[in-house]
Amino acid sequence: MKTIGSVLAAAFLAGCAATNRVDPETMQIATQPLVCRAGECTLWWQRARQWVTGHTQYALQTDTSQAIETSGPTGGSGAPAFQVTLARNPDGSSTIGFAAHCDRPVAGCRPDPWNAAADFKQFVRSGAEPAQGQPPR
């Protein structure tokens, strides 16, 4: 189950190729798994929902205790659609997976999936958005 994060990371990158280079720090944050336990998972899942609804241009299509998914993308849009999953691990922890994709493979998504994933993961862990113009931490 821990590999779900890697699978989702590959999916969001394949769905929205960026033409710009990705900052290594952003890439590291974006690919780090979100693993939580018990009550922490409840808080993190609430933050995941809050981040998605605050950063999407699309309506929520799925909103359950195990999946949050927006509709979209549509008609060549650079606005990313999001998919978030919560999967239980054998050790009792859970992994929150994140994917972003758009409908402009050549021009890319705005925001690009790497930055969206890093921002999402920072927000889910801390409840704080990165400062404007600053790489996610």
N, C-alpha and C. Protein backbone atom coordinates (compact mmCIF):
# COMPACT_ATOMS: atom_id res chain seq x y z
N MET A 1 0.81 -1.19 0.00
CA MET A 1 0.00 0.00 0.00
C MET A 1 0.86 1.26 0.00
N LYS A 2 2.07 1.19 0.57
CA LYS A 2 2.91 2.38 0.62
C LYS A 2 3.33 2.82 -0.78
N THR A 3 3.26 1.91 -1.74
CA THR A 3 3.65 2.27 -3.10
C THR A 3 2.58 3.09 -3.80
N ILE A 4 1.41 3.22 -3.19
CA ILE A 4 0.34 3.99 -3.85
C ILE A 4 0.78 5.43 -4.09
N GLY A 5 1.56 5.99 -3.15
CA GLY A 5 2.05 7.36 -3.34
C GLY A 5 2.94 7.47 -4.56
N SER A 6 3.81 6.48 -4.76
CA SER A 6 4.69 6.49 -5.93
C SER A 6 3.90 6.35 -7.22
N VAL A 7 2.90 5.49 -7.19
CA VAL A 7 2.06 5.30 -8.38
C VAL A 7 1.32 6.58 -8.71
N LEU A 8 0.74 7.22 -7.70
CA LEU A 8 0.01 8.46 -7.93
C LEU A 8 0.94 9.58 -8.38
N ALA A 9 2.15 9.62 -7.82
CA ALA A 9 3.11 10.65 -8.25
C ALA A 9 3.42 10.48 -9.74
N ALA A 10 3.64 9.24 -10.16
CA ALA A 10 3.92 9.00 -11.57
C ALA A 10 2.72 9.36 -12.44
N ALA A 11 1.52 9.08 -11.94
CA ALA A 11 0.31 9.39 -12.71
C ALA A 11 0.14 10.88 -12.90
N PHE A 12 0.36 11.66 -11.86
CA PHE A 12 0.14 13.09 -12.04
C PHE A 12 1.21 13.70 -12.92
N LEU A 13 2.40 13.15 -12.91
CA LEU A 13 3.43 13.68 -13.79
C LEU A 13 3.17 13.31 -15.24
N ALA A 14 2.72 12.11 -15.48
CA ALA A 14 2.43 11.69 -16.85
C ALA A 14 1.25 12.46 -17.42
N GLY A 15 0.30 12.81 -16.58
CA GLY A 15 -0.90 13.50 -17.04
C GLY A 15 -0.68 14.96 -17.37
N CYS A 16 0.41 15.54 -16.91
CA CYS A 16 0.60 16.97 -17.12
C CYS A 16 2.09 17.27 -17.18
N ALA A 17 2.70 17.04 -18.30
CA ALA A 17 4.12 17.26 -18.46
C ALA A 17 4.44 18.75 -18.43
N ALA A 18 5.40 19.10 -17.62
CA ALA A 18 5.80 20.51 -17.53
C ALA A 18 7.03 20.73 -18.41
N THR A 19 7.10 21.89 -19.02
CA THR A 19 8.24 22.19 -19.86
C THR A 19 9.36 22.83 -19.06
N ASN A 20 9.09 23.31 -17.86
CA ASN A 20 10.10 23.94 -17.03
C ASN A 20 10.78 22.90 -16.16
N ARG A 21 11.99 23.24 -15.72
CA ARG A 21 12.70 22.36 -14.80
C ARG A 21 12.08 22.50 -13.42
N VAL A 22 12.10 21.43 -12.68
CA VAL A 22 11.53 21.42 -11.34
C VAL A 22 12.66 21.59 -10.33
N ASP A 23 12.46 22.49 -9.38
CA ASP A 23 13.41 22.70 -8.30
C ASP A 23 13.56 21.39 -7.53
N PRO A 24 14.80 20.93 -7.26
CA PRO A 24 14.98 19.66 -6.56
C PRO A 24 14.31 19.62 -5.19
N GLU A 25 14.28 20.74 -4.48
CA GLU A 25 13.63 20.77 -3.17
C GLU A 25 12.12 20.55 -3.33
N THR A 26 11.53 21.18 -4.34
CA THR A 26 10.11 21.00 -4.61
C THR A 26 9.83 19.54 -4.97
N MET A 27 10.69 18.95 -5.80
CA MET A 27 10.53 17.56 -6.20
C MET A 27 10.59 16.63 -4.99
N GLN A 28 11.52 16.90 -4.09
CA GLN A 28 11.66 16.06 -2.90
C GLN A 28 10.40 16.13 -2.04
N ILE A 29 9.87 17.33 -1.83
CA ILE A 29 8.65 17.49 -1.03
C ILE A 29 7.47 16.81 -1.73
N ALA A 30 7.38 16.99 -3.04
CA ALA A 30 6.25 16.45 -3.81
C ALA A 30 6.21 14.93 -3.82
N THR A 31 7.35 14.28 -3.73
CA THR A 31 7.39 12.82 -3.81
C THR A 31 7.44 12.14 -2.45
N GLN A 32 7.60 12.90 -1.38
CA GLN A 32 7.64 12.31 -0.04
C GLN A 32 6.24 11.81 0.34
N PRO A 33 6.11 10.56 0.76
CA PRO A 33 4.78 10.03 1.10
C PRO A 33 4.17 10.75 2.31
N LEU A 34 2.85 10.88 2.29
CA LEU A 34 2.10 11.41 3.43
C LEU A 34 1.58 10.21 4.21
N VAL A 35 2.24 9.86 5.29
CA VAL A 35 1.85 8.71 6.11
C VAL A 35 1.39 9.23 7.47
N CYS A 36 0.19 8.82 7.87
CA CYS A 36 -0.39 9.31 9.13
C CYS A 36 -0.89 8.13 9.96
N ARG A 37 -1.20 8.44 11.23
CA ARG A 37 -1.75 7.44 12.15
C ARG A 37 -2.98 8.00 12.85
N ALA A 38 -3.96 7.17 13.07
CA ALA A 38 -5.17 7.42 13.88
C ALA A 38 -5.72 8.84 13.73
N GLY A 39 -5.79 9.59 14.85
CA GLY A 39 -6.39 10.92 14.86
C GLY A 39 -5.71 11.89 13.93
N GLU A 40 -4.43 11.72 13.73
CA GLU A 40 -3.70 12.56 12.79
C GLU A 40 -4.28 12.43 11.39
N CYS A 41 -4.69 11.22 11.02
CA CYS A 41 -5.27 10.99 9.69
C CYS A 41 -6.57 11.76 9.52
N THR A 42 -7.37 11.84 10.56
CA THR A 42 -8.63 12.59 10.48
C THR A 42 -8.35 14.05 10.19
N LEU A 43 -7.41 14.64 10.93
CA LEU A 43 -7.04 16.04 10.71
C LEU A 43 -6.45 16.23 9.32
N TRP A 44 -5.54 15.36 8.93
CA TRP A 44 -4.90 15.50 7.62
C TRP A 44 -5.92 15.34 6.49
N TRP A 45 -6.89 14.45 6.65
CA TRP A 45 -7.91 14.26 5.61
C TRP A 45 -8.77 15.51 5.49
N GLN A 46 -9.09 16.14 6.62
CA GLN A 46 -9.84 17.41 6.59
C GLN A 46 -9.04 18.48 5.85
N ARG A 47 -7.74 18.54 6.13
CA ARG A 47 -6.88 19.51 5.44
C ARG A 47 -6.78 19.20 3.95
N ALA A 48 -6.72 17.93 3.60
CA ALA A 48 -6.66 17.54 2.18
C ALA A 48 -7.90 18.05 1.46
N ARG A 49 -9.06 17.84 2.04
CA ARG A 49 -10.32 18.32 1.45
C ARG A 49 -10.31 19.85 1.33
N GLN A 50 -9.85 20.51 2.39
CA GLN A 50 -9.79 21.98 2.39
C GLN A 50 -8.86 22.49 1.28
N TRP A 51 -7.70 21.84 1.12
CA TRP A 51 -6.75 22.28 0.09
C TRP A 51 -7.36 22.09 -1.30
N VAL A 52 -7.92 20.92 -1.55
CA VAL A 52 -8.49 20.65 -2.88
C VAL A 52 -9.59 21.65 -3.20
N THR A 53 -10.53 21.85 -2.28
CA THR A 53 -11.64 22.77 -2.58
C THR A 53 -11.17 24.21 -2.73
N GLY A 54 -10.06 24.56 -2.11
CA GLY A 54 -9.53 25.91 -2.23
C GLY A 54 -8.63 26.14 -3.43
N HIS A 55 -8.25 25.06 -4.12
CA HIS A 55 -7.29 25.19 -5.23
C HIS A 55 -7.80 24.66 -6.57
N THR A 56 -9.04 24.23 -6.62
CA THR A 56 -9.55 23.68 -7.87
C THR A 56 -10.51 24.66 -8.56
N GLN A 57 -10.56 24.56 -9.87
CA GLN A 57 -11.54 25.32 -10.65
C GLN A 57 -12.72 24.42 -11.03
N TYR A 58 -12.69 23.17 -10.55
CA TYR A 58 -13.72 22.20 -10.89
C TYR A 58 -14.52 21.81 -9.65
N ALA A 59 -15.71 21.28 -9.89
CA ALA A 59 -16.56 20.80 -8.80
C ALA A 59 -16.01 19.48 -8.26
N LEU A 60 -16.31 19.20 -6.98
CA LEU A 60 -15.96 17.90 -6.43
C LEU A 60 -16.86 16.85 -7.06
N GLN A 61 -16.25 15.79 -7.52
CA GLN A 61 -16.98 14.67 -8.13
C GLN A 61 -17.16 13.56 -7.11
N THR A 62 -16.12 13.34 -6.29
CA THR A 62 -16.15 12.33 -5.25
C THR A 62 -15.64 12.96 -3.96
N ASP A 63 -16.33 12.71 -2.86
CA ASP A 63 -15.91 13.23 -1.56
C ASP A 63 -16.33 12.22 -0.50
N THR A 64 -15.45 11.24 -0.26
CA THR A 64 -15.73 10.18 0.70
C THR A 64 -14.60 10.12 1.73
N SER A 65 -14.68 9.16 2.63
CA SER A 65 -13.64 8.99 3.64
C SER A 65 -12.37 8.37 3.06
N GLN A 66 -12.40 7.95 1.79
CA GLN A 66 -11.23 7.33 1.17
C GLN A 66 -10.81 7.98 -0.14
N ALA A 67 -11.62 8.91 -0.67
CA ALA A 67 -11.28 9.53 -1.95
C ALA A 67 -11.90 10.92 -2.07
N ILE A 68 -11.10 11.83 -2.60
CA ILE A 68 -11.56 13.17 -2.96
C ILE A 68 -11.13 13.35 -4.40
N GLU A 69 -12.08 13.65 -5.28
CA GLU A 69 -11.75 13.79 -6.70
C GLU A 69 -12.58 14.92 -7.30
N THR A 70 -11.91 15.76 -8.08
CA THR A 70 -12.63 16.81 -8.78
C THR A 70 -13.02 16.32 -10.17
N SER A 71 -13.97 17.00 -10.78
CA SER A 71 -14.24 16.74 -12.18
C SER A 71 -13.11 17.39 -12.98
N GLY A 72 -13.16 17.27 -14.31
CA GLY A 72 -12.13 17.89 -15.14
C GLY A 72 -10.98 16.93 -15.36
N PRO A 73 -10.00 17.35 -16.10
CA PRO A 73 -9.90 18.63 -16.81
C PRO A 73 -10.75 18.63 -18.08
N THR A 74 -10.97 19.80 -18.61
CA THR A 74 -11.81 19.91 -19.80
C THR A 74 -11.16 20.74 -20.90
N GLY A 75 -11.42 20.35 -22.13
CA GLY A 75 -11.12 21.11 -23.33
C GLY A 75 -9.83 21.88 -23.41
N GLY A 76 -8.72 21.25 -23.17
CA GLY A 76 -7.43 21.92 -23.31
C GLY A 76 -7.09 22.84 -22.16
N SER A 77 -7.76 22.67 -21.03
CA SER A 77 -7.53 23.53 -19.88
C SER A 77 -6.20 23.23 -19.21
N GLY A 78 -5.53 24.28 -18.76
CA GLY A 78 -4.30 24.14 -17.99
C GLY A 78 -4.57 24.05 -16.51
N ALA A 79 -5.84 24.20 -16.10
CA ALA A 79 -6.20 24.10 -14.69
C ALA A 79 -6.22 22.62 -14.30
N PRO A 80 -5.45 22.23 -13.29
CA PRO A 80 -5.40 20.81 -12.95
C PRO A 80 -6.65 20.31 -12.23
N ALA A 81 -6.97 19.07 -12.50
CA ALA A 81 -7.97 18.32 -11.73
C ALA A 81 -7.19 17.53 -10.68
N PHE A 82 -7.82 17.25 -9.55
CA PHE A 82 -7.11 16.59 -8.45
C PHE A 82 -7.79 15.29 -8.05
N GLN A 83 -6.95 14.34 -7.62
CA GLN A 83 -7.42 13.07 -7.05
C GLN A 83 -6.60 12.83 -5.79
N VAL A 84 -7.29 12.58 -4.69
CA VAL A 84 -6.63 12.31 -3.41
C VAL A 84 -7.22 11.02 -2.86
N THR A 85 -6.36 10.14 -2.36
CA THR A 85 -6.83 8.86 -1.82
C THR A 85 -6.27 8.65 -0.41
N LEU A 86 -6.99 7.88 0.38
CA LEU A 86 -6.54 7.48 1.71
C LEU A 86 -6.55 5.96 1.73
N ALA A 87 -5.38 5.37 1.90
CA ALA A 87 -5.25 3.91 1.88
C ALA A 87 -4.60 3.42 3.17
N ARG A 88 -5.18 2.39 3.75
CA ARG A 88 -4.62 1.79 4.97
C ARG A 88 -3.39 0.96 4.63
N ASN A 89 -2.41 1.02 5.51
CA ASN A 89 -1.19 0.23 5.38
C ASN A 89 -1.26 -0.94 6.37
N PRO A 90 -0.52 -2.03 6.11
CA PRO A 90 -0.56 -3.20 7.00
C PRO A 90 -0.17 -2.89 8.44
N ASP A 91 0.66 -1.87 8.66
CA ASP A 91 1.11 -1.55 10.02
C ASP A 91 0.12 -0.69 10.80
N GLY A 92 -1.05 -0.40 10.22
CA GLY A 92 -2.06 0.40 10.90
C GLY A 92 -2.02 1.87 10.54
N SER A 93 -0.97 2.31 9.90
CA SER A 93 -0.90 3.69 9.43
C SER A 93 -1.70 3.80 8.13
N SER A 94 -1.82 5.01 7.62
CA SER A 94 -2.48 5.23 6.33
C SER A 94 -1.62 6.15 5.48
N THR A 95 -1.76 6.02 4.18
CA THR A 95 -1.05 6.87 3.23
C THR A 95 -2.05 7.68 2.44
N ILE A 96 -1.80 8.99 2.38
CA ILE A 96 -2.62 9.88 1.57
C ILE A 96 -1.89 10.09 0.25
N GLY A 97 -2.53 9.70 -0.84
CA GLY A 97 -1.96 9.85 -2.18
C GLY A 97 -2.53 11.08 -2.86
N PHE A 98 -1.78 11.69 -3.76
CA PHE A 98 -2.18 12.92 -4.45
C PHE A 98 -1.82 12.81 -5.92
N ALA A 99 -2.73 13.23 -6.77
CA ALA A 99 -2.46 13.30 -8.21
C ALA A 99 -3.10 14.56 -8.77
N ALA A 100 -2.41 15.18 -9.72
CA ALA A 100 -2.94 16.36 -10.42
C ALA A 100 -2.68 16.15 -11.90
N HIS A 101 -3.66 16.49 -12.74
CA HIS A 101 -3.47 16.36 -14.18
C HIS A 101 -4.32 17.40 -14.89
N CYS A 102 -3.84 17.80 -16.07
CA CYS A 102 -4.59 18.79 -16.85
C CYS A 102 -4.73 18.28 -18.28
N ASP A 103 -5.30 19.11 -19.14
CA ASP A 103 -5.58 18.71 -20.51
C ASP A 103 -4.70 19.47 -21.50
N ARG A 104 -3.49 19.87 -21.06
CA ARG A 104 -2.55 20.57 -21.94
C ARG A 104 -1.17 19.94 -21.80
N PRO A 105 -0.95 18.77 -22.39
CA PRO A 105 0.32 18.08 -22.19
C PRO A 105 1.53 18.85 -22.70
N VAL A 106 1.39 19.66 -23.72
CA VAL A 106 2.54 20.40 -24.24
C VAL A 106 2.78 21.68 -23.45
N ALA A 107 1.73 22.46 -23.23
CA ALA A 107 1.87 23.74 -22.53
C ALA A 107 1.98 23.56 -21.02
N GLY A 108 1.47 22.46 -20.49
CA GLY A 108 1.56 22.20 -19.07
C GLY A 108 0.42 22.76 -18.25
N CYS A 109 0.41 22.34 -17.00
CA CYS A 109 -0.61 22.77 -16.04
C CYS A 109 -0.16 24.04 -15.33
N ARG A 110 -1.13 24.80 -14.87
CA ARG A 110 -0.85 25.97 -14.03
C ARG A 110 -1.80 25.95 -12.86
N PRO A 111 -1.31 25.67 -11.64
CA PRO A 111 0.08 25.43 -11.28
C PRO A 111 0.54 24.07 -11.78
N ASP A 112 1.87 23.93 -11.92
CA ASP A 112 2.35 22.64 -12.40
C ASP A 112 2.18 21.59 -11.30
N PRO A 113 2.07 20.32 -11.68
CA PRO A 113 1.79 19.25 -10.72
C PRO A 113 2.83 19.12 -9.60
N TRP A 114 4.10 19.39 -9.91
CA TRP A 114 5.13 19.29 -8.87
C TRP A 114 4.86 20.30 -7.76
N ASN A 115 4.63 21.56 -8.14
CA ASN A 115 4.36 22.58 -7.13
C ASN A 115 3.04 22.34 -6.42
N ALA A 116 2.03 21.90 -7.16
CA ALA A 116 0.74 21.60 -6.54
C ALA A 116 0.91 20.50 -5.49
N ALA A 117 1.64 19.44 -5.83
CA ALA A 117 1.84 18.33 -4.89
C ALA A 117 2.62 18.78 -3.66
N ALA A 118 3.67 19.57 -3.87
CA ALA A 118 4.46 20.06 -2.74
C ALA A 118 3.62 20.97 -1.85
N ASP A 119 2.86 21.88 -2.45
CA ASP A 119 1.99 22.77 -1.68
C ASP A 119 0.94 21.97 -0.90
N PHE A 120 0.33 21.00 -1.58
CA PHE A 120 -0.68 20.14 -0.95
C PHE A 120 -0.09 19.43 0.27
N LYS A 121 1.05 18.81 0.09
CA LYS A 121 1.65 18.03 1.18
C LYS A 121 2.07 18.92 2.34
N GLN A 122 2.59 20.10 2.03
CA GLN A 122 2.95 21.03 3.10
C GLN A 122 1.70 21.43 3.88
N PHE A 123 0.64 21.76 3.16
CA PHE A 123 -0.60 22.18 3.82
C PHE A 123 -1.20 21.05 4.65
N VAL A 124 -1.23 19.85 4.12
CA VAL A 124 -1.80 18.72 4.86
C VAL A 124 -1.02 18.47 6.14
N ARG A 125 0.30 18.53 6.07
CA ARG A 125 1.12 18.29 7.26
C ARG A 125 1.01 19.41 8.29
N SER A 126 1.02 20.66 7.84
CA SER A 126 1.16 21.79 8.77
C SER A 126 -0.08 22.66 8.91
N GLY A 127 -0.97 22.64 7.93
CA GLY A 127 -2.11 23.54 7.94
C GLY A 127 -1.77 24.92 7.43
N ALA A 128 -0.54 25.11 6.92
CA ALA A 128 -0.09 26.42 6.44
C ALA A 128 0.25 26.37 4.96
N GLU A 129 -0.15 27.40 4.24
CA GLU A 129 0.20 27.54 2.82
C GLU A 129 1.63 28.09 2.74
N PRO A 130 2.39 27.73 1.69
CA PRO A 130 3.71 28.34 1.52
C PRO A 130 3.55 29.82 1.19
N ALA A 131 4.52 30.61 1.61
CA ALA A 131 4.49 32.04 1.30
C ALA A 131 4.60 32.24 -0.20
N GLN A 132 3.92 33.25 -0.73
CA GLN A 132 3.97 33.54 -2.17
C GLN A 132 5.41 33.73 -2.61
N GLY A 133 5.77 33.09 -3.71
CA GLY A 133 7.11 33.23 -4.28
C GLY A 133 8.16 32.38 -3.58
N GLN A 134 7.78 31.66 -2.54
CA GLN A 134 8.72 30.81 -1.82
C GLN A 134 8.49 29.36 -2.21
N PRO A 135 9.58 28.60 -2.32
CA PRO A 135 9.37 27.17 -2.58
C PRO A 135 8.70 26.53 -1.37
N PRO A 136 7.90 25.50 -1.58
CA PRO A 136 7.26 24.81 -0.47
C PRO A 136 8.31 24.24 0.46
N ARG A 137 8.02 24.17 1.72
CA ARG A 137 8.95 23.60 2.72
C ARG A 137 8.29 22.44 3.42
